[in-house]
């Protein structure tokens, strides 16, 4: 298969849906010789919010220390290859196509057929092995205990802030969700956690105690270092990232930490993509609150022209209850995803005291109206929407995805 054919096949496997469990990943990792080589450090990151930013910081600081890194994240914003990077460089199209061709042959012999996420993980792990990465940073897709990434043996486990999200899969309470996230703990291996709600901390401590995992809670943000990502919360993510690297035995210096944090890139998270235009996923209420705090710091006393969309399975009322208070007007549009929620349903989720809203058929129409409104524009509510917006604003080829 050429690259286009390979990506079309891979995206067609999304019809197999989401399958929580490790058996398929373990089998495919074994069959494709994709487990990490001996001596390679693996840092595994789970949580509800801040996973991607923390992974990006770990990767950036490690590279500043001279490490050859593999970074696996999801979802992508514009191009599938964003998910798989070696020392900051996306996997090239030709080896990506060649390996997906091989993985297709292996996958079609397996029952049940591997999922899109399982195949993508194994593709990444094989690429990291071929490129002789010294450190691998893995972001969980969802949950932890049964997430495909947990099939890869980790040396350091990281838990970012835990909140209510993916409840149809992970549970309806913070305790249940924390149990799933703590499922990444590896017996005897260290774990680092961001500050958590008391009930979450108790669950993490119990699970760590059971598997004899040395668990460290971060107690202070990383101050005195410039961070290239916006928002006060990023200082906490930075502290988690540095602690994880320290536990991994990476020789850190103030210069390498400073350079790594000052040059970290993580698009679509309060990204000022052009003056007066901000992109932020904010796909759950906890993330929306962080976005609101960062907005007030960046645009004091200014309201937003909010372009909003969301996908099924999210607490849309909770998100809009927070974001509507930032807005002078709301521009609702569909998102290019099979999981998209109808615009009329999104409008029905608005709080009673919300500002005026309009419904548009496409993002481009909603964005044009928002720009003409005059206030700074905020595109938020879904990473899928942010990806579509970013592709439109940078004139790049958008690869929509449901996972």
Protein backbone atom coordinates (compact mmCIF):
# COMPACT_ATOMS: atom_id res chain seq x y z
CA UNK A 1 0.00 0.00 0.00
CA UNK A 2 1.13 3.55 -0.62
CA UNK A 3 0.72 6.09 2.19
CA UNK A 4 -2.76 7.22 1.19
CA UNK A 5 -3.99 3.63 0.87
CA UNK A 6 -2.37 2.67 4.17
CA UNK A 7 -4.01 5.56 6.05
CA UNK A 8 -7.39 4.80 4.45
CA UNK A 9 -7.11 1.20 5.61
CA UNK A 10 -6.03 2.20 9.11
CA UNK A 11 -8.89 4.68 9.49
CA UNK A 12 -11.32 2.01 8.25
CA UNK A 13 -10.44 -0.03 11.36
CA UNK A 14 -12.23 2.59 13.46
CA UNK A 15 -15.36 0.62 12.61
CA UNK A 16 -14.16 -1.93 15.19
CA UNK A 17 -14.75 0.75 17.81
CA UNK A 18 -13.03 1.07 21.18
CA UNK A 19 -12.01 -2.15 22.87
CA UNK A 20 -10.64 -1.98 26.39
CA UNK A 21 -8.22 -4.81 27.13
CA UNK A 22 -4.58 -5.76 26.74
CA UNK A 23 -4.68 -9.15 25.01
CA UNK A 24 -4.81 -7.82 21.44
CA UNK A 25 -2.07 -5.25 22.03
CA UNK A 26 0.22 -7.78 23.69
CA UNK A 27 -0.20 -10.24 20.84
CA UNK A 28 0.43 -7.65 18.15
CA UNK A 29 3.43 -6.18 20.02
CA UNK A 30 4.89 -9.68 20.27
CA UNK A 31 4.18 -10.72 16.68
CA UNK A 32 5.57 -7.48 15.24
CA UNK A 33 8.66 -7.37 17.49
CA UNK A 34 7.54 -4.02 18.82
CA UNK A 35 8.29 -4.27 22.53
CA UNK A 36 11.00 -1.85 23.74
CA UNK A 37 14.59 -3.07 23.61
CA UNK A 38 16.35 -3.86 26.88
CA UNK A 39 17.43 -0.72 28.74
CA UNK A 40 14.96 1.64 27.07
CA UNK A 41 13.16 3.78 29.64
CA UNK A 42 9.36 3.95 29.30
CA UNK A 43 7.33 6.73 30.96
CA UNK A 44 3.58 6.05 30.90
CA UNK A 45 1.19 8.95 31.47
CA UNK A 46 -2.50 8.67 32.41
CA UNK A 47 -5.03 11.17 33.75
CA UNK A 48 -8.03 13.22 32.65
CA UNK A 49 -6.43 16.57 31.83
CA UNK A 50 -2.89 17.67 31.08
CA UNK A 51 -1.66 14.31 29.77
CA UNK A 52 -0.55 15.64 26.42
CA UNK A 53 1.11 18.76 27.79
CA UNK A 54 2.96 16.70 30.40
CA UNK A 55 4.09 14.17 27.78
CA UNK A 56 5.30 17.00 25.54
CA UNK A 57 7.28 18.51 28.42
CA UNK A 58 8.86 15.18 29.37
CA UNK A 59 9.86 14.66 25.74
CA UNK A 60 11.19 18.19 25.27
CA UNK A 61 13.31 18.18 28.45
CA UNK A 62 14.63 14.68 27.73
CA UNK A 63 15.71 15.79 24.26
CA UNK A 64 17.41 18.82 25.82
CA UNK A 65 19.33 16.32 27.97
CA UNK A 66 20.54 14.55 24.83
CA UNK A 67 18.08 11.64 24.90
CA UNK A 68 16.73 10.11 21.69
CA UNK A 69 13.02 10.06 22.44
CA UNK A 70 9.89 8.39 21.12
CA UNK A 71 6.62 10.21 21.82
CA UNK A 72 3.20 8.58 21.37
CA UNK A 73 0.11 10.77 21.85
CA UNK A 74 -3.53 10.95 20.74
CA UNK A 75 -5.66 12.15 19.12
CA UNK A 76 -3.96 14.00 16.29
CA UNK A 77 -5.14 17.48 15.41
CA UNK A 78 -4.53 17.59 11.66
CA UNK A 79 -2.29 14.75 10.43
CA UNK A 80 -2.21 11.17 11.74
CA UNK A 81 1.61 11.22 11.88
CA UNK A 82 1.49 13.77 14.74
CA UNK A 83 0.82 10.80 17.03
CA UNK A 84 4.25 9.22 16.47
CA UNK A 85 7.41 11.30 16.85
CA UNK A 86 11.10 10.49 17.29
CA UNK A 87 13.11 13.36 18.76
CA UNK A 88 10.35 15.75 17.70
CA UNK A 89 10.05 14.52 14.11
CA UNK A 90 6.87 12.87 12.83
CA UNK A 91 7.15 9.41 11.34
CA UNK A 92 7.79 9.81 7.57
CA UNK A 93 5.11 8.69 5.12
CA UNK A 94 7.08 5.91 3.40
CA UNK A 95 8.06 3.85 6.47
CA UNK A 96 4.61 4.52 7.93
CA UNK A 97 2.98 3.03 4.83
CA UNK A 98 5.38 0.07 4.73
CA UNK A 99 4.78 -0.84 8.37
CA UNK A 100 1.01 -0.42 8.10
CA UNK A 101 1.09 -2.81 5.14
CA UNK A 102 2.84 -5.38 7.33
CA UNK A 103 0.47 -4.71 10.23
CA UNK A 104 -2.53 -5.20 7.96
CA UNK A 105 -1.32 -8.72 7.11
CA UNK A 106 -0.80 -9.53 10.80
CA UNK A 107 -4.09 -7.95 11.87
CA UNK A 108 -6.19 -9.86 9.35
CA UNK A 109 -4.97 -13.13 10.90
CA UNK A 110 -6.13 -12.10 14.37
CA UNK A 111 -9.53 -12.62 15.96
CA UNK A 112 -10.89 -10.28 17.08
CA UNK A 113 -9.38 -7.82 14.62
CA UNK A 114 -7.13 -5.26 16.36
CA UNK A 115 -8.56 -1.79 16.82
CA UNK A 116 -7.36 1.45 15.27
CA UNK A 117 -5.69 2.45 18.54
CA UNK A 118 -3.99 -0.92 19.04
CA UNK A 119 -2.55 -0.86 15.52
CA UNK A 120 -1.38 2.74 15.93
CA UNK A 121 0.33 1.93 19.23
CA UNK A 122 2.18 -1.05 17.76
CA UNK A 123 3.18 0.97 14.70
CA UNK A 124 4.66 3.59 17.04
CA UNK A 125 6.49 1.07 19.20
CA UNK A 126 8.05 -0.66 16.20
CA UNK A 127 9.18 2.70 14.80
CA UNK A 128 10.70 3.67 18.15
CA UNK A 129 12.59 0.36 18.23
CA UNK A 130 13.86 0.76 14.67
CA UNK A 131 15.01 4.30 15.44
CA UNK A 132 16.78 3.08 18.60
CA UNK A 133 14.99 5.43 20.99
CA UNK A 134 16.52 5.61 24.45
CA UNK A 135 13.33 6.85 26.10
CA UNK A 136 9.67 6.34 25.19
CA UNK A 137 6.82 8.54 26.45
CA UNK A 138 3.36 6.98 26.13
CA UNK A 139 0.10 8.85 26.61
CA UNK A 140 -2.85 6.62 27.45
CA UNK A 141 -5.77 6.80 25.08
CA UNK A 142 -8.46 6.36 27.72
CA UNK A 143 -8.44 5.12 31.29
CA UNK A 144 -5.36 3.11 32.16
CA UNK A 145 -5.94 -0.37 33.52
CA UNK A 146 -7.26 -1.71 30.21
CA UNK A 147 -5.79 0.88 27.85
CA UNK A 148 -3.70 -0.62 25.05
CA UNK A 149 -0.64 1.40 26.14
CA UNK A 150 -0.58 -0.51 29.45
CA UNK A 151 0.57 -3.58 27.50
CA UNK A 152 3.96 -1.87 27.22
CA UNK A 153 6.02 -2.41 30.42
CA UNK A 154 6.63 1.00 32.04
CA UNK A 155 9.51 2.13 34.22
CA UNK A 156 7.79 5.29 35.52
CA UNK A 157 4.05 5.90 35.79
CA UNK A 158 2.58 9.40 35.82
CA UNK A 159 -0.93 10.50 36.83
CA UNK A 160 -2.10 13.96 35.78
CA UNK A 161 -5.22 15.61 37.31
CA UNK A 162 -8.19 13.23 37.37
CA UNK A 163 -11.76 14.37 36.75
CA UNK A 164 -15.04 13.10 35.35
CA UNK A 165 -14.72 12.13 31.69
CA UNK A 166 -15.36 9.06 29.50
CA UNK A 167 -17.82 7.96 32.18
CA UNK A 168 -19.55 5.48 29.88
CA UNK A 169 -16.28 3.54 29.89
CA UNK A 170 -14.52 4.33 33.15
CA UNK A 171 -17.23 4.76 35.79
CA UNK A 172 -19.56 7.39 37.18
CA UNK A 173 -17.56 8.52 40.21
CA UNK A 174 -14.11 9.95 40.81
CA UNK A 175 -13.25 6.84 42.82
CA UNK A 176 -14.11 4.51 39.94
CA UNK A 177 -12.21 6.61 37.40
CA UNK A 178 -9.19 6.90 39.70
CA UNK A 179 -9.15 3.11 40.03
CA UNK A 180 -8.94 2.79 36.26
CA UNK A 181 -6.16 5.39 35.99
CA UNK A 182 -4.18 3.72 38.82
CA UNK A 183 -4.29 0.53 36.76
CA UNK A 184 -1.13 1.68 34.98
CA UNK A 185 0.93 1.22 38.17
CA UNK A 186 3.66 -1.41 37.78
CA UNK A 187 4.69 -3.48 40.78
CA UNK A 188 7.77 -1.98 42.39
CA UNK A 189 8.13 0.83 39.82
CA UNK A 190 7.85 4.51 40.84
CA UNK A 191 4.80 6.67 40.18
CA UNK A 192 4.37 10.46 40.17
CA UNK A 193 1.02 12.21 40.60
CA UNK A 194 -0.16 15.77 40.21
CA UNK A 195 -2.18 17.13 43.15
CA UNK A 196 -5.57 15.42 43.26
CA UNK A 197 -8.92 15.68 45.02
CA UNK A 198 -8.77 13.96 48.41
CA UNK A 199 -10.92 11.04 47.28
CA UNK A 200 -8.67 10.47 44.25
CA UNK A 201 -5.50 10.67 46.33
CA UNK A 202 -6.84 8.00 48.68
CA UNK A 203 -7.57 5.63 45.80
CA UNK A 204 -4.14 6.18 44.26
CA UNK A 205 -2.43 5.61 47.60
CA UNK A 206 -4.32 2.36 48.20
CA UNK A 207 -3.56 1.03 44.72
CA UNK A 208 0.10 2.03 45.01
CA UNK A 209 0.35 0.36 48.39
CA UNK A 210 -1.10 -2.87 47.06
CA UNK A 211 1.44 -3.17 44.25
CA UNK A 212 4.33 -1.73 46.28
CA UNK A 213 4.66 1.25 43.99
CA UNK A 214 6.59 4.22 45.47
CA UNK A 215 4.07 7.03 44.88
CA UNK A 216 5.06 10.71 45.01
CA UNK A 217 2.53 13.56 44.93
CA UNK A 218 3.82 16.85 43.55
CA UNK A 219 3.39 19.55 46.20
CA UNK A 220 4.56 22.71 44.41
CA UNK A 221 4.54 24.08 40.85
CA UNK A 222 7.71 24.58 38.81
CA UNK A 223 8.52 28.24 39.30
CA UNK A 224 11.31 30.36 37.90
CA UNK A 225 11.39 28.67 34.48
CA UNK A 226 9.74 30.15 31.37
CA UNK A 227 7.21 27.71 29.89
CA UNK A 228 6.20 27.98 26.25
CA UNK A 229 2.63 26.81 27.00
CA UNK A 230 0.02 29.27 28.31
CA UNK A 231 -1.69 29.01 31.69
CA UNK A 232 -0.66 28.82 35.33
CA UNK A 233 -1.57 25.13 35.41
CA UNK A 234 1.36 24.39 33.11
CA UNK A 235 3.78 25.07 35.99
CA UNK A 236 2.21 22.08 37.77
CA UNK A 237 2.50 19.93 34.66
CA UNK A 238 6.15 20.98 34.42
CA UNK A 239 6.79 19.91 38.02
CA UNK A 240 5.28 16.50 37.27
CA UNK A 241 7.38 16.16 34.11
CA UNK A 242 10.64 17.03 35.88
CA UNK A 243 9.90 14.64 38.76
CA UNK A 244 9.19 11.81 36.30
CA UNK A 245 12.48 12.40 34.49
CA UNK A 246 14.36 12.53 37.78
CA UNK A 247 12.85 9.19 38.83
CA UNK A 248 13.81 7.79 35.42
CA UNK A 249 17.44 8.59 36.17
CA UNK A 250 17.86 11.22 33.46
CA UNK A 251 20.74 13.58 34.38
CA UNK A 252 18.92 16.90 34.61
CA UNK A 253 20.49 20.35 34.77
CA UNK A 254 18.86 23.73 35.20
CA UNK A 255 19.93 24.60 31.65
CA UNK A 256 18.33 21.49 30.10
CA UNK A 257 15.10 21.97 32.08
CA UNK A 258 14.98 25.64 31.13
CA UNK A 259 15.59 24.92 27.44
CA UNK A 260 13.11 22.05 27.34
CA UNK A 261 10.29 24.01 28.98
CA UNK A 262 10.98 27.13 26.96
CA UNK A 263 10.85 25.22 23.66
CA UNK A 264 8.05 22.73 24.32
CA UNK A 265 5.33 22.61 21.66
CA UNK A 266 1.81 21.32 22.18
CA UNK A 267 -0.63 22.84 19.68
CA UNK A 268 -4.33 23.34 20.31
CA UNK A 269 -4.11 24.01 24.04
CA UNK A 270 -4.70 27.73 24.54
CA UNK A 271 -2.80 28.26 21.33
CA UNK A 272 -2.77 31.82 20.05
CA UNK A 273 -2.67 30.76 16.43
CA UNK A 274 -2.93 34.35 15.25
CA UNK A 275 -3.51 37.63 17.13
CA UNK A 276 -6.92 37.52 18.75
CA UNK A 277 -7.65 33.88 17.82
CA UNK A 278 -7.25 31.16 20.48
CA UNK A 279 -7.67 27.39 20.01
CA UNK A 280 -8.29 25.15 23.03
CA UNK A 281 -9.81 21.66 23.22
CA UNK A 282 -11.56 22.10 26.61
CA UNK A 283 -13.48 18.85 26.17
CA UNK A 284 -14.63 18.42 29.78
CA UNK A 285 -15.67 20.80 32.59
CA UNK A 286 -12.32 20.58 34.39
CA UNK A 287 -10.47 21.59 31.22
CA UNK A 288 -13.05 24.34 30.59
CA UNK A 289 -12.35 25.82 34.03
CA UNK A 290 -8.61 25.88 33.31
CA UNK A 291 -9.33 27.51 29.95
CA UNK A 292 -11.52 30.16 31.63
CA UNK A 293 -8.77 30.98 34.14
CA UNK A 294 -6.19 31.31 31.36
CA UNK A 295 -8.55 33.45 29.28
CA UNK A 296 -9.04 35.91 32.16
CA UNK A 297 -5.25 36.18 32.55
CA UNK A 298 -4.69 36.71 28.83
CA UNK A 299 -7.71 38.87 27.99
CA UNK A 300 -8.66 40.66 31.23
CA UNK A 301 -12.11 42.26 31.03
CA UNK A 302 -12.65 40.99 27.46
CA UNK A 303 -15.38 38.62 26.30
CA UNK A 304 -14.91 35.97 23.61
CA UNK A 305 -16.63 35.30 20.33
CA UNK A 306 -16.97 31.58 21.11
CA UNK A 307 -16.98 29.05 18.27
CA UNK A 308 -18.20 25.83 19.84
CA UNK A 309 -18.80 22.20 18.95
CA UNK A 310 -18.56 18.86 20.75
CA UNK A 311 -18.76 15.12 20.24
CA UNK A 312 -20.98 12.52 21.87
CA UNK A 313 -20.13 11.19 25.31
CA UNK A 314 -19.04 14.54 26.74
CA UNK A 315 -20.60 16.64 29.52
CA UNK A 316 -21.67 19.32 27.08
CA UNK A 317 -23.92 21.13 29.57
CA UNK A 318 -21.07 21.25 32.07
CA UNK A 319 -18.62 22.59 29.49
CA UNK A 320 -21.02 25.23 28.16
CA UNK A 321 -21.98 26.25 31.69
CA UNK A 322 -18.39 27.44 32.09
CA UNK A 323 -17.52 28.66 28.60
CA UNK A 324 -20.76 30.57 28.01
CA UNK A 325 -19.80 32.95 30.82
CA UNK A 326 -16.69 33.93 28.80
CA UNK A 327 -18.64 34.74 25.66
CA UNK A 328 -20.32 37.82 24.22
CA UNK A 329 -21.85 35.64 21.50
CA UNK A 330 -21.71 31.91 20.71
CA UNK A 331 -21.29 30.47 17.21
CA UNK A 332 -22.28 26.80 17.10
CA UNK A 333 -21.23 24.47 14.29
CA UNK A 334 -20.86 20.72 13.67
CA UNK A 335 -17.48 19.03 14.01
CA UNK A 336 -16.10 16.80 11.25
CA UNK A 337 -16.32 13.52 13.16
CA UNK A 338 -18.64 10.51 13.17
CA UNK A 339 -19.19 11.28 16.87
CA UNK A 340 -20.43 14.81 16.19
CA UNK A 341 -23.43 16.08 18.13
CA UNK A 342 -26.07 17.93 16.11
CA UNK A 343 -25.84 21.69 16.40
CA UNK A 344 -29.45 21.98 17.58
CA UNK A 345 -28.69 19.57 20.42
CA UNK A 346 -25.62 21.61 21.36
CA UNK A 347 -27.76 24.74 21.49
CA UNK A 348 -30.21 23.00 23.81
CA UNK A 349 -27.34 22.48 26.27
CA UNK A 350 -26.72 26.21 26.68
CA UNK A 351 -27.43 27.64 30.15
CA UNK A 352 -30.48 29.85 30.48
CA UNK A 353 -28.35 32.97 31.01
CA UNK A 354 -26.13 32.30 27.99
CA UNK A 355 -25.39 35.15 25.56
CA UNK A 356 -27.04 35.13 22.11
CA UNK A 357 -26.09 32.25 19.85
CA UNK A 358 -26.19 31.37 16.15
CA UNK A 359 -26.04 28.01 14.40
CA UNK A 360 -23.93 27.44 11.27
CA UNK A 361 -23.54 24.55 8.87
CA UNK A 362 -19.75 24.51 8.84
CA UNK A 363 -16.82 25.64 10.95
CA UNK A 364 -15.71 28.03 8.21
CA UNK A 365 -19.07 29.85 8.31
CA UNK A 366 -19.07 30.01 12.11
CA UNK A 367 -15.50 31.29 12.19
CA UNK A 368 -16.17 33.99 9.60
CA UNK A 369 -19.12 35.24 11.65
CA UNK A 370 -17.08 35.16 14.85
CA UNK A 371 -14.23 37.15 13.29
CA UNK A 372 -16.64 39.83 12.11
CA UNK A 373 -18.14 40.09 15.61
CA UNK A 374 -15.13 42.07 16.82
CA UNK A 375 -14.17 40.33 20.08
CA UNK A 376 -11.23 37.93 20.38
CA UNK A 377 -12.22 34.55 18.95
CA UNK A 378 -12.11 31.39 21.06
CA UNK A 379 -12.50 28.03 19.29
CA UNK A 380 -13.22 25.38 21.94
CA UNK A 381 -15.23 22.35 23.02
CA UNK A 382 -13.52 19.49 21.20
CA UNK A 383 -10.01 18.61 20.05
CA UNK A 384 -11.60 17.42 16.81
CA UNK A 385 -12.97 20.95 16.27
CA UNK A 386 -9.57 22.44 17.15
CA UNK A 387 -7.92 20.17 14.59
CA UNK A 388 -10.38 21.23 11.90
CA UNK A 389 -9.89 24.89 12.82
CA UNK A 390 -6.12 24.61 12.86
CA UNK A 391 -6.09 22.92 9.45
CA UNK A 392 -8.31 25.66 8.03
CA UNK A 393 -6.21 28.46 9.51
CA UNK A 394 -2.89 26.95 8.39
CA UNK A 395 -4.14 25.67 5.01
CA UNK A 396 -3.09 22.09 5.83
CA UNK A 397 -4.75 18.85 4.74
CA UNK A 398 -7.11 17.74 7.54
CA UNK A 399 -7.46 14.02 8.35
CA UNK A 400 -10.65 13.73 10.44
CA UNK A 401 -10.83 10.92 12.97
CA UNK A 402 -13.29 9.53 15.50
CA UNK A 403 -10.58 8.33 17.90
